[in-house]
């Protein structure tokens, strides 16, 4: 399990790009234990964690859940779904009261397309 931001927006984008990303979408809050998105669902957004932590889980063959990681402020979560259009490969659950910026997949793709080389970085 990895704790931290994985590749947060602090590392992936310049300060001007971070500000532009955070201007997109809308702010949303989740209570502790609330599901941000569910494995298997098709959804059209990415999340930037502003405050709190989110746990990333995946179902195993025996029906239990495996913790893939814990992400904190600055983390970009769910970005793969913005590019592949497929179902979510994991579930995201708020570990703490969580405040995030929800950005539509279309907005995020346009944002990354305008920044050469950033798609590869965002998907690491």
Protein backbone atom coordinates (compact mmCIF):
# COMPACT_ATOMS: atom_id res chain seq x y z
CA UNK A 1 0.00 0.00 0.00
CA UNK A 2 1.22 3.47 -0.84
CA UNK A 3 0.35 6.42 1.35
CA UNK A 4 0.69 9.94 0.07
CA UNK A 5 -0.14 11.72 -3.10
CA UNK A 6 1.37 9.24 -5.58
CA UNK A 7 1.95 11.73 -8.34
CA UNK A 8 0.20 14.82 -7.12
CA UNK A 9 -0.58 17.91 -9.07
CA UNK A 10 2.33 19.59 -7.24
CA UNK A 11 4.78 17.39 -9.15
CA UNK A 12 2.89 16.88 -12.41
CA UNK A 13 2.06 20.51 -13.17
CA UNK A 14 3.59 23.97 -12.86
CA UNK A 15 2.05 26.40 -10.38
CA UNK A 16 0.20 28.17 -13.23
CA UNK A 17 -1.14 24.82 -14.49
CA UNK A 18 -2.21 23.79 -10.97
CA UNK A 19 -4.15 27.04 -10.61
CA UNK A 20 -5.78 26.49 -14.01
CA UNK A 21 -6.73 22.90 -13.09
CA UNK A 22 -8.23 24.01 -9.79
CA UNK A 23 -10.33 26.60 -11.64
CA UNK A 24 -12.07 23.77 -13.48
CA UNK A 25 -15.01 21.79 -12.13
CA UNK A 26 -16.54 22.34 -8.73
CA UNK A 27 -15.71 21.77 -5.10
CA UNK A 28 -17.48 18.93 -3.34
CA UNK A 29 -17.33 17.52 0.18
CA UNK A 30 -17.76 13.94 1.38
CA UNK A 31 -18.35 12.64 4.88
CA UNK A 32 -15.98 10.09 6.38
CA UNK A 33 -16.60 6.63 4.84
CA UNK A 34 -18.54 8.07 1.88
CA UNK A 35 -17.81 6.53 -1.50
CA UNK A 36 -16.45 9.02 -4.02
CA UNK A 37 -16.77 6.52 -6.88
CA UNK A 38 -17.32 2.78 -7.21
CA UNK A 39 -15.33 0.07 -8.94
CA UNK A 40 -17.12 -1.04 -12.10
CA UNK A 41 -19.17 2.10 -12.62
CA UNK A 42 -18.72 4.20 -15.70
CA UNK A 43 -18.21 7.79 -14.65
CA UNK A 44 -16.93 10.91 -16.29
CA UNK A 45 -14.88 12.80 -13.75
CA UNK A 46 -11.52 13.01 -12.00
CA UNK A 47 -10.93 14.23 -8.47
CA UNK A 48 -8.23 16.47 -7.02
CA UNK A 49 -7.98 16.02 -3.25
CA UNK A 50 -7.95 19.39 -1.49
CA UNK A 51 -8.32 18.32 2.18
CA UNK A 52 -8.53 14.92 3.84
CA UNK A 53 -7.55 11.48 2.62
CA UNK A 54 -9.12 8.98 0.26
CA UNK A 55 -8.58 5.21 0.29
CA UNK A 56 -8.38 3.39 -3.05
CA UNK A 57 -9.77 -0.17 -2.97
CA UNK A 58 -10.17 -2.98 -5.50
CA UNK A 59 -12.20 -6.18 -5.27
CA UNK A 60 -10.29 -9.45 -5.20
CA UNK A 61 -11.28 -12.77 -6.78
CA UNK A 62 -12.60 -14.04 -3.43
CA UNK A 63 -14.85 -11.01 -2.98
CA UNK A 64 -12.80 -9.19 -0.36
CA UNK A 65 -11.28 -5.74 -0.85
CA UNK A 66 -7.61 -4.92 -1.26
CA UNK A 67 -6.27 -1.49 -0.36
CA UNK A 68 -4.31 -0.12 -3.29
CA UNK A 69 -3.33 3.15 -1.71
CA UNK A 70 -4.19 6.18 0.34
CA UNK A 71 -4.07 9.61 -1.26
CA UNK A 72 -3.95 13.00 0.41
CA UNK A 73 -4.07 16.68 -0.51
CA UNK A 74 -2.81 17.39 -4.01
CA UNK A 75 -3.54 13.88 -5.30
CA UNK A 76 -5.21 13.33 -8.63
CA UNK A 77 -7.61 10.38 -8.36
CA UNK A 78 -9.55 8.57 -11.06
CA UNK A 79 -7.65 10.04 -13.99
CA UNK A 80 -7.49 6.77 -15.95
CA UNK A 81 -11.28 6.81 -16.45
CA UNK A 82 -11.00 10.25 -18.05
CA UNK A 83 -8.91 8.77 -20.87
CA UNK A 84 -10.09 5.19 -21.38
CA UNK A 85 -13.85 5.70 -20.99
CA UNK A 86 -14.12 2.30 -19.35
CA UNK A 87 -15.49 1.35 -15.96
CA UNK A 88 -13.66 2.36 -12.79
CA UNK A 89 -10.96 -0.13 -11.85
CA UNK A 90 -11.17 0.74 -8.15
CA UNK A 91 -13.37 2.30 -5.49
CA UNK A 92 -12.46 5.54 -3.70
CA UNK A 93 -13.66 6.02 -0.10
CA UNK A 94 -13.19 9.08 2.12
CA UNK A 95 -11.05 8.19 5.15
CA UNK A 96 -11.60 11.60 6.70
CA UNK A 97 -14.01 14.40 5.98
CA UNK A 98 -12.95 15.06 2.41
CA UNK A 99 -12.96 18.17 0.25
CA UNK A 100 -12.18 17.68 -3.43
CA UNK A 101 -12.33 19.42 -6.75
CA UNK A 102 -14.43 17.35 -9.19
CA UNK A 103 -13.42 17.95 -12.81
CA UNK A 104 -15.34 16.44 -15.72
CA UNK A 105 -13.43 14.01 -17.91
CA UNK A 106 -13.93 16.28 -20.93
CA UNK A 107 -12.53 19.30 -19.06
CA UNK A 108 -9.58 17.26 -17.79
CA UNK A 109 -8.76 15.85 -21.25
CA UNK A 110 -8.87 19.36 -22.74
CA UNK A 111 -6.70 20.66 -19.90
CA UNK A 112 -4.05 17.96 -20.43
CA UNK A 113 -4.22 18.25 -24.23
CA UNK A 114 -3.19 21.89 -23.92
CA UNK A 115 -0.06 20.93 -22.01
CA UNK A 116 2.31 18.84 -24.16
CA UNK A 117 3.84 15.90 -22.31
CA UNK A 118 1.49 16.16 -19.35
CA UNK A 119 -0.83 13.27 -20.26
CA UNK A 120 1.99 10.80 -19.67
CA UNK A 121 2.80 12.42 -16.35
CA UNK A 122 -0.84 12.57 -15.23
CA UNK A 123 -1.30 8.85 -15.88
CA UNK A 124 1.78 7.65 -13.98
